[in-house]
Amino acid sequence: MVVTANSVYDRVAGSLQESSGPHGGLKLGFKAMGTWCQITFAGVTQTTAENFKSAALHWVASFEARYSRFIPDSLIGQINAAAGKRWVEIDKTTEQIFALCEELACFTRGAFDPTALPFIRLWNWKAVPPAIPDVEAVRAAGELVGWDKVRRRPGAIFLPQEGMGLDLGGIGKEYAVDCIIQLARLHGIDNVLVDFGQDVRALGRPPKAEAWCIGLEDPKQPGTCWAGVAVRDMAVATSGDYLRCFEKDGRRYGHIIDPRTGYPVQNGCQSVTVIAPSCTIAGILSTTAFVMGETEGVNQIEGYCGAEGCIITGHSRSETRRFANYVLGQS
């Protein structure tokens, strides 16, 4: 079945729920990109609100239809299906996304790698009973992973080995959040909060408040918050494996895979929260810090100008030097 942007839009728009924001204004909630998305904004006319709502829903639906690996005829689906066979033409926006992927793969020294799909395919967290792939299967998948294997030229991309595949799950929602913020600005909206599955970016402030307040979920008690942060013109992203995991033979396996090894991360980290100027950067830093572990992860976050973060393990909490400045009641 061919999935079009229009059919994705119908699904997204069909899930739309509208309500008043916590400080006034309008809150839009809808299901897209496999998660629950929320956009809260205020201080605009009804006409502006309606125009922005329509533009945001269409943009998100178009983005999902183009870049979801779960849609066979999406651009990512086409690129993956053409692995080892042919080049696939891409547009300027996609070129920019792949250029960003290359930059971030280099910056994180491989802890972020959009070519890790062969590893992701091996680990099925929904299987009953869960199965552990054998060592040879992981090794064979590793031969297909590595951003340095991807071939790019102006206007086209090629995955040279059959079985290779791209998964933008580590950057897609975050990139979409940043784009919706830009879309809000184009509509003259100066105060908006965009939250796509706990990947959040705040612009301006809510009515009658000095900053947007974001709760940080406690990995030891999901559904409750261990703290809250107050942000303006910043993004907040959290990565954790405490909700999606399984146990087998007394060993716990989370859903975050280290693309350098092909195995789920098992370094004691439970969650990582990063505050950064953009959601794309906050998301990449939170995921890669989770992969790297407590000490190296904190150093990685501090190495990016303007970023602060906190890493929670089973027995400790490590923060960058200025993370506490954002925590409610501690600044």
C-alpha atoms as a PDB file:
ATOM      1  CA  MET A   1       0.000   0.000   0.000  1.00  0.00           C
ATOM      2  CA  VAL A   2       1.317   3.427  -0.947  1.00  0.00           C
ATOM      3  CA  VAL A   3       1.294   5.826   1.990  1.00  0.00           C
ATOM      4  CA  THR A   4       1.038   9.493   1.017  1.00  0.00           C
ATOM      5  CA  ALA A   5       1.531  12.652   3.010  1.00  0.00           C
ATOM      6  CA  ASN A   6      -2.230  13.193   2.754  1.00  0.00           C
ATOM      7  CA  SER A   7      -3.023   9.848   4.363  1.00  0.00           C
ATOM      8  CA  VAL A   8      -0.512  10.522   7.143  1.00  0.00           C
ATOM      9  CA  TYR A   9      -2.095  13.945   7.604  1.00  0.00           C
ATOM     10  CA  ASP A  10      -5.547  12.388   7.916  1.00  0.00           C
ATOM     11  CA  ARG A  11      -4.229  10.086  10.658  1.00  0.00           C
ATOM     12  CA  VAL A  12      -2.433  12.887  12.506  1.00  0.00           C
ATOM     13  CA  ALA A  13      -5.328  15.332  12.234  1.00  0.00           C
ATOM     14  CA  GLY A  14      -7.755  12.602  13.273  1.00  0.00           C
ATOM     15  CA  SER A  15      -5.895  12.240  16.583  1.00  0.00           C
ATOM     16  CA  LEU A  16      -5.935  15.982  17.310  1.00  0.00           C
ATOM     17  CA  GLN A  17      -7.080  17.135  20.745  1.00  0.00           C
ATOM     18  CA  GLU A  18      -7.371  20.829  21.618  1.00  0.00           C
ATOM     19  CA  SER A  19      -7.473  22.270  25.123  1.00  0.00           C
ATOM     20  CA  SER A  20      -6.484  25.312  27.142  1.00  0.00           C
ATOM     21  CA  GLY A  21      -2.830  25.559  28.150  1.00  0.00           C
ATOM     22  CA  PRO A  22      -1.836  25.479  31.847  1.00  0.00           C
ATOM     23  CA  HIS A  23      -1.241  29.263  31.811  1.00  0.00           C
ATOM     24  CA  GLY A  24      -3.869  30.148  29.236  1.00  0.00           C
ATOM     25  CA  GLY A  25      -3.532  29.980  25.480  1.00  0.00           C
ATOM     26  CA  LEU A  26      -4.069  26.899  23.363  1.00  0.00           C
ATOM     27  CA  LYS A  27      -2.637  23.395  23.607  1.00  0.00           C
ATOM     28  CA  LEU A  28      -2.658  21.037  20.618  1.00  0.00           C
ATOM     29  CA  GLY A  29      -2.091  17.331  21.188  1.00  0.00           C
ATOM     30  CA  PHE A  30      -1.793  14.700  18.459  1.00  0.00           C
ATOM     31  CA  LYS A  31      -0.160  11.369  17.625  1.00  0.00           C
ATOM     32  CA  ALA A  32       2.668  11.495  15.076  1.00  0.00           C
ATOM     33  CA  MET A  33       6.063   9.884  14.478  1.00  0.00           C
ATOM     34  CA  GLY A  34       5.140   7.084  16.877  1.00  0.00           C
ATOM     35  CA  THR A  35       4.692   9.364  19.884  1.00  0.00           C
ATOM     36  CA  TRP A  36       2.373  11.878  21.517  1.00  0.00           C
ATOM     37  CA  CYS A  37       3.092  15.445  20.414  1.00  0.00           C
ATOM     38  CA  GLN A  38       2.039  18.694  22.079  1.00  0.00           C
ATOM     39  CA  ILE A  39       2.272  22.319  21.007  1.00  0.00           C
ATOM     40  CA  THR A  40       1.282  25.018  23.509  1.00  0.00           C
ATOM     41  CA  PHE A  41       1.158  28.691  22.551  1.00  0.00           C
ATOM     42  CA  ALA A  42      -0.536  31.923  23.530  1.00  0.00           C
ATOM     43  CA  GLY A  43      -0.903  35.618  22.803  1.00  0.00           C
ATOM     44  CA  VAL A  44      -2.152  35.364  19.216  1.00  0.00           C
ATOM     45  CA  THR A  45      -5.401  35.999  17.376  1.00  0.00           C
ATOM     46  CA  GLN A  46      -7.776  33.191  16.540  1.00  0.00           C
ATOM     47  CA  THR A  47      -6.890  33.520  12.855  1.00  0.00           C
ATOM     48  CA  THR A  48      -3.168  33.199  13.571  1.00  0.00           C
ATOM     49  CA  ALA A  49      -3.819  30.225  15.845  1.00  0.00           C
ATOM     50  CA  GLU A  50      -5.865  28.427  13.186  1.00  0.00           C
ATOM     51  CA  ASN A  51      -3.325  29.132  10.443  1.00  0.00           C
ATOM     52  CA  PHE A  52      -0.445  27.919  12.588  1.00  0.00           C
ATOM     53  CA  LYS A  53      -2.350  24.803  13.678  1.00  0.00           C
ATOM     54  CA  SER A  54      -3.011  23.848  10.055  1.00  0.00           C
ATOM     55  CA  ALA A  55       0.571  24.572   8.982  1.00  0.00           C
ATOM     56  CA  ALA A  56       2.051  22.618  11.904  1.00  0.00           C
ATOM     57  CA  LEU A  57      -0.086  19.519  11.314  1.00  0.00           C
ATOM     58  CA  HIS A  58       0.659  19.510   7.593  1.00  0.00           C
ATOM     59  CA  TRP A  59       4.391  19.984   8.214  1.00  0.00           C
ATOM     60  CA  VAL A  60       4.593  17.141  10.741  1.00  0.00           C
ATOM     61  CA  ALA A  61       2.585  14.790   8.512  1.00  0.00           C
ATOM     62  CA  SER A  62       4.778  15.601   5.515  1.00  0.00           C
ATOM     63  CA  PHE A  63       7.939  15.072   7.574  1.00  0.00           C
ATOM     64  CA  GLU A  64       6.776  11.688   8.864  1.00  0.00           C
ATOM     65  CA  ALA A  65       5.686  10.566   5.401  1.00  0.00           C
ATOM     66  CA  ARG A  66       9.112  11.475   4.020  1.00  0.00           C
ATOM     67  CA  TYR A  67      11.487  10.307   6.732  1.00  0.00           C
ATOM     68  CA  SER A  68       9.866   7.439   8.647  1.00  0.00           C
ATOM     69  CA  ARG A  69      11.607   4.105   8.097  1.00  0.00           C
ATOM     70  CA  PHE A  70       8.312   2.400   8.941  1.00  0.00           C
ATOM     71  CA  ILE A  71       6.722   3.733   5.736  1.00  0.00           C
ATOM     72  CA  PRO A  72       8.103   1.654   2.821  1.00  0.00           C
ATOM     73  CA  ASP A  73       7.588   4.344   0.177  1.00  0.00           C
ATOM     74  CA  SER A  74       9.032   7.162   2.293  1.00  0.00           C
ATOM     75  CA  LEU A  75      12.340   8.598   1.141  1.00  0.00           C
ATOM     76  CA  ILE A  76      14.135   6.688   3.908  1.00  0.00           C
ATOM     77  CA  GLY A  77      12.257   3.538   2.885  1.00  0.00           C
ATOM     78  CA  GLN A  78      13.387   4.020  -0.707  1.00  0.00           C
ATOM     79  CA  ILE A  79      16.996   4.627   0.303  1.00  0.00           C
ATOM     80  CA  ASN A  80      17.007   1.481   2.455  1.00  0.00           C
ATOM     81  CA  ALA A  81      15.361  -0.623  -0.271  1.00  0.00           C
ATOM     82  CA  ALA A  82      17.991   0.577  -2.764  1.00  0.00           C
ATOM     83  CA  ALA A  83      20.926  -0.448  -0.539  1.00  0.00           C
ATOM     84  CA  GLY A  84      23.567  -2.221  -2.619  1.00  0.00           C
ATOM     85  CA  LYS A  85      21.627  -1.505  -5.809  1.00  0.00           C
ATOM     86  CA  ARG A  86      21.392   2.137  -6.807  1.00  0.00           C
ATOM     87  CA  TRP A  87      21.746   5.792  -5.884  1.00  0.00           C
ATOM     88  CA  VAL A  88      18.644   7.644  -4.681  1.00  0.00           C
ATOM     89  CA  GLU A  89      18.003  11.285  -5.467  1.00  0.00           C
ATOM     90  CA  ILE A  90      17.428  13.633  -2.513  1.00  0.00           C
ATOM     91  CA  ASP A  91      16.429  17.278  -2.137  1.00  0.00           C
ATOM     92  CA  LYS A  92      18.297  20.151  -0.496  1.00  0.00           C
ATOM     93  CA  THR A  93      16.582  19.738   2.872  1.00  0.00           C
ATOM     94  CA  THR A  94      17.485  16.059   3.003  1.00  0.00           C
ATOM     95  CA  GLU A  95      21.066  16.898   2.025  1.00  0.00           C
ATOM     96  CA  GLN A  96      21.212  19.265   5.004  1.00  0.00           C
ATOM     97  CA  ILE A  97      19.852  16.574   7.331  1.00  0.00           C
ATOM     98  CA  PHE A  98      22.441  14.054   6.134  1.00  0.00           C
ATOM     99  CA  ALA A  99      25.210  16.642   6.421  1.00  0.00           C
ATOM    100  CA  LEU A 100      24.114  17.173  10.020  1.00  0.00           C
ATOM    101  CA  CYS A 101      24.140  13.402  10.572  1.00  0.00           C
ATOM    102  CA  GLU A 102      27.731  13.247   9.343  1.00  0.00           C
ATOM    103  CA  GLU A 103      28.795  16.136  11.570  1.00  0.00           C
ATOM    104  CA  LEU A 104      27.166  14.609  14.648  1.00  0.00           C
ATOM    105  CA  ALA A 105      28.476  11.098  13.970  1.00  0.00           C
ATOM    106  CA  CYS A 106      31.972  12.598  13.895  1.00  0.00           C
ATOM    107  CA  PHE A 107      31.397  14.784  16.969  1.00  0.00           C
ATOM    108  CA  THR A 108      30.130  11.817  19.024  1.00  0.00           C
ATOM    109  CA  ARG A 109      32.881   9.496  17.749  1.00  0.00           C
ATOM    110  CA  GLY A 110      30.318   6.979  16.514  1.00  0.00           C
ATOM    111  CA  ALA A 111      28.071   6.952  19.603  1.00  0.00           C
ATOM    112  CA  PHE A 112      25.441   8.421  17.271  1.00  0.00           C
ATOM    113  CA  ASP A 113      25.156   6.620  13.950  1.00  0.00           C
ATOM    114  CA  PRO A 114      22.063   6.731  11.681  1.00  0.00           C
ATOM    115  CA  THR A 115      23.236   3.547   9.905  1.00  0.00           C
ATOM    116  CA  ALA A 116      22.649   1.411  13.040  1.00  0.00           C
ATOM    117  CA  LEU A 117      19.400  -0.033  11.643  1.00  0.00           C
ATOM    118  CA  PRO A 118      20.900  -3.536  11.104  1.00  0.00           C
ATOM    119  CA  PHE A 119      21.534  -3.701  14.870  1.00  0.00           C
ATOM    120  CA  ILE A 120      18.065  -2.354  15.679  1.00  0.00           C
ATOM    121  CA  ARG A 121      16.488  -5.056  13.515  1.00  0.00           C
ATOM    122  CA  LEU A 122      18.239  -7.752  15.553  1.00  0.00           C
ATOM    123  CA  TRP A 123      16.837  -6.685  18.905  1.00  0.00           C
ATOM    124  CA  ASN A 124      13.083  -7.187  19.222  1.00  0.00           C
ATOM    125  CA  TRP A 125      11.798  -5.855  22.553  1.00  0.00           C
ATOM    126  CA  LYS A 126       8.246  -6.943  21.717  1.00  0.00           C
ATOM    127  CA  ALA A 127       9.038 -10.617  21.126  1.00  0.00           C
ATOM    128  CA  VAL A 128       7.526 -13.143  23.556  1.00  0.00           C
ATOM    129  CA  PRO A 129       9.689 -14.579  24.887  1.00  0.00           C
ATOM    130  CA  PRO A 130      12.473 -12.080  24.171  1.00  0.00           C
ATOM    131  CA  ALA A 131      15.461 -13.463  22.302  1.00  0.00           C
ATOM    132  CA  ILE A 132      19.137 -12.510  22.411  1.00  0.00           C
ATOM    133  CA  PRO A 133      20.778 -12.475  18.963  1.00  0.00           C
ATOM    134  CA  ASP A 134      23.824 -14.686  18.703  1.00  0.00           C
ATOM    135  CA  VAL A 135      27.316 -13.258  18.508  1.00  0.00           C
ATOM    136  CA  GLU A 136      27.720 -14.071  14.817  1.00  0.00           C
ATOM    137  CA  ALA A 137      24.493 -12.255  13.927  1.00  0.00           C
ATOM    138  CA  VAL A 138      25.677  -9.137  15.766  1.00  0.00           C
ATOM    139  CA  ARG A 139      29.074  -9.361  14.065  1.00  0.00           C
ATOM    140  CA  ALA A 140      27.475  -9.699  10.620  1.00  0.00           C
ATOM    141  CA  ALA A 141      25.196  -6.731  11.298  1.00  0.00           C
ATOM    142  CA  GLY A 142      28.232  -4.721  12.353  1.00  0.00           C
ATOM    143  CA  GLU A 143      29.681  -5.140   8.862  1.00  0.00           C
ATOM    144  CA  LEU A 144      26.731  -3.101   7.596  1.00  0.00           C
ATOM    145  CA  VAL A 145      26.972  -0.290  10.161  1.00  0.00           C
ATOM    146  CA  GLY A 146      29.106   2.835   9.961  1.00  0.00           C
ATOM    147  CA  TRP A 147      28.335   6.289   8.616  1.00  0.00           C
ATOM    148  CA  ASP A 148      31.724   6.298   6.893  1.00  0.00           C
ATOM    149  CA  LYS A 149      30.377   3.602   4.556  1.00  0.00           C
ATOM    150  CA  VAL A 150      27.625   5.880   3.206  1.00  0.00           C
ATOM    151  CA  ARG A 151      28.303   7.427  -0.178  1.00  0.00           C
ATOM    152  CA  ARG A 152      27.021  10.923  -0.874  1.00  0.00           C
ATOM    153  CA  ARG A 153      27.210  13.285  -3.787  1.00  0.00           C
ATOM    154  CA  PRO A 154      25.264  16.486  -4.505  1.00  0.00           C
ATOM    155  CA  GLY A 155      21.611  15.529  -4.828  1.00  0.00           C
ATOM    156  CA  ALA A 156      21.984  11.794  -4.154  1.00  0.00           C
ATOM    157  CA  ILE A 157      22.895   9.127  -1.591  1.00  0.00           C
ATOM    158  CA  PHE A 158      23.872   5.461  -1.860  1.00  0.00           C
ATOM    159  CA  LEU A 159      24.150   2.692   0.728  1.00  0.00           C
ATOM    160  CA  PRO A 160      26.751   0.456  -0.933  1.00  0.00           C
ATOM    161  CA  GLN A 161      25.925  -2.865   0.774  1.00  0.00           C
ATOM    162  CA  GLU A 162      22.656  -4.740   0.617  1.00  0.00           C
ATOM    163  CA  GLY A 163      21.185  -4.943   4.109  1.00  0.00           C
ATOM    164  CA  MET A 164      22.395  -1.487   5.140  1.00  0.00           C
ATOM    165  CA  GLY A 165      19.729   0.894   6.378  1.00  0.00           C
ATOM    166  CA  LEU A 166      19.142   4.348   7.781  1.00  0.00           C
ATOM    167  CA  ASP A 167      17.118   5.102  10.903  1.00  0.00           C
ATOM    168  CA  LEU A 168      16.651   8.768  11.808  1.00  0.00           C
ATOM    169  CA  GLY A 169      15.019   7.872  15.126  1.00  0.00           C
ATOM    170  CA  GLY A 170      17.906   9.462  17.014  1.00  0.00           C
ATOM    171  CA  ILE A 171      17.466  12.833  15.350  1.00  0.00           C
ATOM    172  CA  GLY A 172      14.075  12.971  13.607  1.00  0.00           C
ATOM    173  CA  LYS A 173      11.702  14.083  16.387  1.00  0.00           C
ATOM    174  CA  GLU A 174      14.238  16.553  17.705  1.00  0.00           C
ATOM    175  CA  TYR A 175      14.784  18.071  14.255  1.00  0.00           C
ATOM    176  CA  ALA A 176      11.004  18.299  13.830  1.00  0.00           C
ATOM    177  CA  VAL A 177      10.670  20.166  17.143  1.00  0.00           C
ATOM    178  CA  ASP A 178      13.199  22.758  15.979  1.00  0.00           C
ATOM    179  CA  CYS A 179      11.388  23.174  12.659  1.00  0.00           C
ATOM    180  CA  ILE A 180       8.012  23.706  14.354  1.00  0.00           C
ATOM    181  CA  ILE A 181       9.625  26.409  16.507  1.00  0.00           C
ATOM    182  CA  GLN A 182      10.786  28.119  13.311  1.00  0.00           C
ATOM    183  CA  LEU A 183       7.311  27.706  11.829  1.00  0.00           C
ATOM    184  CA  ALA A 184       5.827  29.385  14.897  1.00  0.00           C
ATOM    185  CA  ARG A 185       8.185  32.318  14.438  1.00  0.00           C
ATOM    186  CA  LEU A 186       7.101  32.640  10.794  1.00  0.00           C
ATOM    187  CA  HIS A 187       3.514  32.934  12.019  1.00  0.00           C
ATOM    188  CA  GLY A 188       4.465  35.698  14.437  1.00  0.00           C
ATOM    189  CA  ILE A 189       4.186  33.492  17.529  1.00  0.00           C
ATOM    190  CA  ASP A 190       6.763  34.492  20.128  1.00  0.00           C
ATOM    191  CA  ASN A 191       5.674  32.281  23.039  1.00  0.00           C
ATOM    192  CA  VAL A 192       5.376  28.547  22.337  1.00  0.00           C
ATOM    193  CA  LEU A 193       6.344  25.199  23.831  1.00  0.00           C
ATOM    194  CA  VAL A 194       6.820  22.208  21.521  1.00  0.00           C
ATOM    195  CA  ASP A 195       6.993  18.744  23.107  1.00  0.00           C
ATOM    196  CA  PHE A 196       7.329  15.688  20.870  1.00  0.00           C
ATOM    197  CA  GLY A 197       7.691  12.642  23.115  1.00  0.00           C
ATOM    198  CA  GLN A 198       9.747  14.390  25.832  1.00  0.00           C
ATOM    199  CA  ASP A 199      11.875  16.200  23.287  1.00  0.00           C
ATOM    200  CA  VAL A 200      11.035  19.793  24.136  1.00  0.00           C
ATOM    201  CA  ARG A 201      11.909  23.292  23.005  1.00  0.00           C
ATOM    202  CA  ALA A 202      10.615  26.517  24.515  1.00  0.00           C
ATOM    203  CA  LEU A 203      10.342  29.901  22.844  1.00  0.00           C
ATOM    204  CA  GLY A 204       9.590  32.971  24.940  1.00  0.00           C
ATOM    205  CA  ARG A 205       7.463  32.327  28.000  1.00  0.00           C
ATOM    206  CA  PRO A 206       3.901  31.338  28.937  1.00  0.00           C
ATOM    207  CA  PRO A 207       1.323  33.913  30.068  1.00  0.00           C
ATOM    208  CA  LYS A 208       1.737  35.045  33.680  1.00  0.00           C
ATOM    209  CA  ALA A 209       5.015  33.158  34.144  1.00  0.00           C
ATOM    210  CA  GLU A 210       8.687  33.968  33.685  1.00  0.00           C
ATOM    211  CA  ALA A 211       9.646  30.707  32.005  1.00  0.00           C
ATOM    212  CA  TRP A 212       8.315  27.394  30.763  1.00  0.00           C
ATOM    213  CA  CYS A 213       8.526  24.687  33.420  1.00  0.00           C
ATOM    214  CA  ILE A 214       9.492  21.177  32.291  1.00  0.00           C
ATOM    215  CA  GLY A 215       9.170  18.187  34.597  1.00  0.00           C
ATOM    216  CA  LEU A 216      11.978  15.614  34.622  1.00  0.00           C
ATOM    217  CA  GLU A 217      10.662  12.080  35.040  1.00  0.00           C
ATOM    218  CA  ASP A 218      12.149   9.950  37.789  1.00  0.00           C
ATOM    219  CA  PRO A 219      13.507   6.753  36.166  1.00  0.00           C
ATOM    220  CA  LYS A 220      13.167   4.969  39.504  1.00  0.00           C
ATOM    221  CA  GLN A 221       9.476   5.928  39.741  1.00  0.00           C
ATOM    222  CA  PRO A 222       8.117   6.427  36.204  1.00  0.00           C
ATOM    223  CA  GLY A 223       5.158   8.765  36.120  1.00  0.00           C
ATOM    224  CA  THR A 224       6.619  11.028  38.810  1.00  0.00           C
ATOM    225  CA  CYS A 225       9.163  13.830  38.530  1.00  0.00           C
ATOM    226  CA  TRP A 226      12.383  14.091  40.481  1.00  0.00           C
ATOM    227  CA  ALA A 227      12.757  17.779  39.574  1.00  0.00           C
ATOM    228  CA  GLY A 228      11.624  20.493  37.194  1.00  0.00           C
ATOM    229  CA  VAL A 229      13.588  22.942  35.079  1.00  0.00           C
ATOM    230  CA  ALA A 230      12.653  26.455  33.989  1.00  0.00           C
ATOM    231  CA  VAL A 231      13.690  27.416  30.452  1.00  0.00           C
ATOM    232  CA  ARG A 232      13.268  30.213  27.938  1.00  0.00           C
ATOM    233  CA  ASP A 233      14.535  29.933  24.377  1.00  0.00           C
ATOM    234  CA  MET A 234      16.155  26.587  25.145  1.00  0.00           C
ATOM    235  CA  ALA A 235      15.487  22.901  24.490  1.00  0.00           C
ATOM    236  CA  VAL A 236      15.278  19.971  26.898  1.00  0.00           C
ATOM    237  CA  ALA A 237      15.687  16.335  25.864  1.00  0.00           C
ATOM    238  CA  THR A 238      15.757  13.186  27.979  1.00  0.00           C
ATOM    239  CA  SER A 239      16.987   9.732  27.001  1.00  0.00           C
ATOM    240  CA  GLY A 240      16.379   6.633  29.080  1.00  0.00           C
ATOM    241  CA  ASP A 241      15.800   2.900  28.757  1.00  0.00           C
ATOM    242  CA  TYR A 242      13.791   2.316  31.933  1.00  0.00           C
ATOM    243  CA  LEU A 243      10.462   1.995  30.095  1.00  0.00           C
ATOM    244  CA  ARG A 244      11.485  -0.126  27.115  1.00  0.00           C
ATOM    245  CA  CYS A 245      13.529  -3.094  28.264  1.00  0.00           C
ATOM    246  CA  PHE A 246      13.365  -6.797  29.031  1.00  0.00           C
ATOM    247  CA  GLU A 247      15.125  -9.241  31.313  1.00  0.00           C
ATOM    248  CA  LYS A 248      16.490 -12.613  30.335  1.00  0.00           C
ATOM    249  CA  ASP A 249      18.552 -15.001  32.456  1.00  0.00           C
ATOM    250  CA  GLY A 250      18.806 -12.364  35.154  1.00  0.00           C
ATOM    251  CA  ARG A 251      20.218  -9.725  32.841  1.00  0.00           C
ATOM    252  CA  ARG A 252      18.484  -6.525  31.812  1.00  0.00           C
ATOM    253  CA  TYR A 253      18.457  -5.327  28.177  1.00  0.00           C
ATOM    254  CA  GLY A 254      17.340  -1.768  27.371  1.00  0.00           C
ATOM    255  CA  HIS A 255      16.278  -0.432  23.984  1.00  0.00           C
ATOM    256  CA  ILE A 256      19.182   2.014  23.500  1.00  0.00           C
ATOM    257  CA  ILE A 257      21.844   0.277  21.428  1.00  0.00           C
ATOM    258  CA  ASP A 258      25.490   1.285  21.315  1.00  0.00           C
ATOM    259  CA  PRO A 259      26.152   1.508  17.546  1.00  0.00           C
ATOM    260  CA  ARG A 260      29.825   0.861  18.215  1.00  0.00           C
ATOM    261  CA  THR A 261      29.145  -2.622  19.631  1.00  0.00           C
ATOM    262  CA  GLY A 262      25.676  -3.661  18.484  1.00  0.00           C
ATOM    263  CA  TYR A 263      24.537  -4.412  22.036  1.00  0.00           C
ATOM    264  CA  PRO A 264      22.158  -2.558  24.371  1.00  0.00           C
ATOM    265  CA  VAL A 265      23.884  -0.087  26.665  1.00  0.00           C
ATOM    266  CA  GLN A 266      24.693  -1.604  30.060  1.00  0.00           C
ATOM    267  CA  ASN A 267      26.743   1.005  31.865  1.00  0.00           C
ATOM    268  CA  GLY A 268      24.421   1.773  34.765  1.00  0.00           C
ATOM    269  CA  CYS A 269      22.771   4.837  33.211  1.00  0.00           C
ATOM    270  CA  GLN A 270      19.034   5.133  33.707  1.00  0.00           C
ATOM    271  CA  SER A 271      18.331   8.526  32.172  1.00  0.00           C
ATOM    272  CA  VAL A 272      20.136  11.549  30.770  1.00  0.00           C
ATOM    273  CA  THR A 273      18.632  15.027  30.487  1.00  0.00           C
ATOM    274  CA  VAL A 274      20.289  17.744  28.417  1.00  0.00           C
ATOM    275  CA  ILE A 275      19.421  21.426  28.078  1.00  0.00           C
ATOM    276  CA  ALA A 276      20.793  23.024  24.909  1.00  0.00           C
ATOM    277  CA  PRO A 277      20.065  25.821  22.415  1.00  0.00           C
ATOM    278  CA  SER A 278      18.349  23.447  19.970  1.00  0.00           C
ATOM    279  CA  CYS A 279      16.348  20.272  20.423  1.00  0.00           C
ATOM    280  CA  THR A 280      18.438  18.458  17.809  1.00  0.00           C
ATOM    281  CA  ILE A 281      21.594  19.064  19.821  1.00  0.00           C
ATOM    282  CA  ALA A 282      19.900  18.343  23.167  1.00  0.00           C
ATOM    283  CA  GLY A 283      18.601  15.028  21.819  1.00  0.00           C
ATOM    284  CA  ILE A 284      21.897  13.929  20.319  1.00  0.00           C
ATOM    285  CA  LEU A 285      23.812  14.845  23.462  1.00  0.00           C
ATOM    286  CA  SER A 286      21.363  13.063  25.764  1.00  0.00           C
ATOM    287  CA  THR A 287      21.470   9.855  23.727  1.00  0.00           C
ATOM    288  CA  THR A 288      25.226   9.818  23.183  1.00  0.00           C
ATOM    289  CA  ALA A 289      25.920  10.669  26.822  1.00  0.00           C
ATOM    290  CA  PHE A 290      23.712   7.721  27.775  1.00  0.00           C
ATOM    291  CA  VAL A 291      25.764   5.486  25.478  1.00  0.00           C
ATOM    292  CA  MET A 292      29.096   6.811  26.717  1.00  0.00           C
ATOM    293  CA  GLY A 293      28.312   6.442  30.412  1.00  0.00           C
ATOM    294  CA  GLU A 294      28.413   8.709  33.431  1.00  0.00           C
ATOM    295  CA  THR A 295      31.910  10.204  33.380  1.00  0.00           C
ATOM    296  CA  GLU A 296      32.506  10.413  29.646  1.00  0.00           C
ATOM    297  CA  GLY A 297      28.907  11.489  29.101  1.00  0.00           C
ATOM    298  CA  VAL A 298      29.186  14.504  31.403  1.00  0.00           C
ATOM    299  CA  ASN A 299      32.411  15.497  29.651  1.00  0.00           C
ATOM    300  CA  GLN A 300      30.698  15.173  26.254  1.00  0.00           C
ATOM    301  CA  ILE A 301      27.848  17.466  27.315  1.00  0.00           C
ATOM    302  CA  GLU A 302      30.222  20.039  28.799  1.00  0.00           C
ATOM    303  CA  GLY A 303      32.186  19.975  25.557  1.00  0.00           C
ATOM    304  CA  TYR A 304      29.294  21.537  23.656  1.00  0.00           C
ATOM    305  CA  CYS A 305      28.968  25.299  24.137  1.00  0.00           C
ATOM    306  CA  GLY A 306      25.701  26.261  25.818  1.00  0.00           C
ATOM    307  CA  ALA A 307      24.710  22.740  26.866  1.00  0.00           C
ATOM    308  CA  GLU A 308      24.108  21.513  30.409  1.00  0.00           C
ATOM    309  CA  GLY A 309      22.998  18.077  31.554  1.00  0.00           C
ATOM    310  CA  CYS A 310      22.342  15.539  34.262  1.00  0.00           C
ATOM    311  CA  ILE A 311      22.993  11.791  34.235  1.00  0.00           C
ATOM    312  CA  ILE A 312      21.113   9.495  36.623  1.00  0.00           C
ATOM    313  CA  THR A 313      22.446   6.000  37.303  1.00  0.00           C
ATOM    314  CA  GLY A 314      21.219   3.326  39.660  1.00  0.00           C
ATOM    315  CA  HIS A 315      23.259   4.818  42.500  1.00  0.00           C
ATOM    316  CA  SER A 316      24.189   8.411  41.658  1.00  0.00           C
ATOM    317  CA  ARG A 317      23.378  11.656  39.862  1.00  0.00           C
ATOM    318  CA  SER A 318      26.052  13.609  37.995  1.00  0.00           C
ATOM    319  CA  GLU A 319      25.492  17.136  36.704  1.00  0.00           C
ATOM    320  CA  THR A 320      27.417  19.564  34.555  1.00  0.00           C
ATOM    321  CA  ARG A 321      28.638  22.688  36.296  1.00  0.00           C
ATOM    322  CA  ARG A 322      25.646  24.940  35.528  1.00  0.00           C
ATOM    323  CA  PHE A 323      22.785  22.463  35.251  1.00  0.00           C
ATOM    324  CA  ALA A 324      21.503  23.503  38.687  1.00  0.00           C
ATOM    325  CA  ASN A 325      20.923  27.032  37.357  1.00  0.00           C
ATOM    326  CA  TYR A 326      17.881  25.702  35.506  1.00  0.00           C
ATOM    327  CA  VAL A 327      16.478  23.505  38.274  1.00  0.00           C
ATOM    328  CA  LEU A 328      13.465  24.996  40.019  1.00  0.00           C
ATOM    329  CA  GLY A 329      14.310  25.938  43.582  1.00  0.00           C
ATOM    330  CA  GLN A 330      18.064  25.620  43.063  1.00  0.00           C
ATOM    331  CA  SER A 331      19.015  28.564  40.867  1.00  0.00           C
END
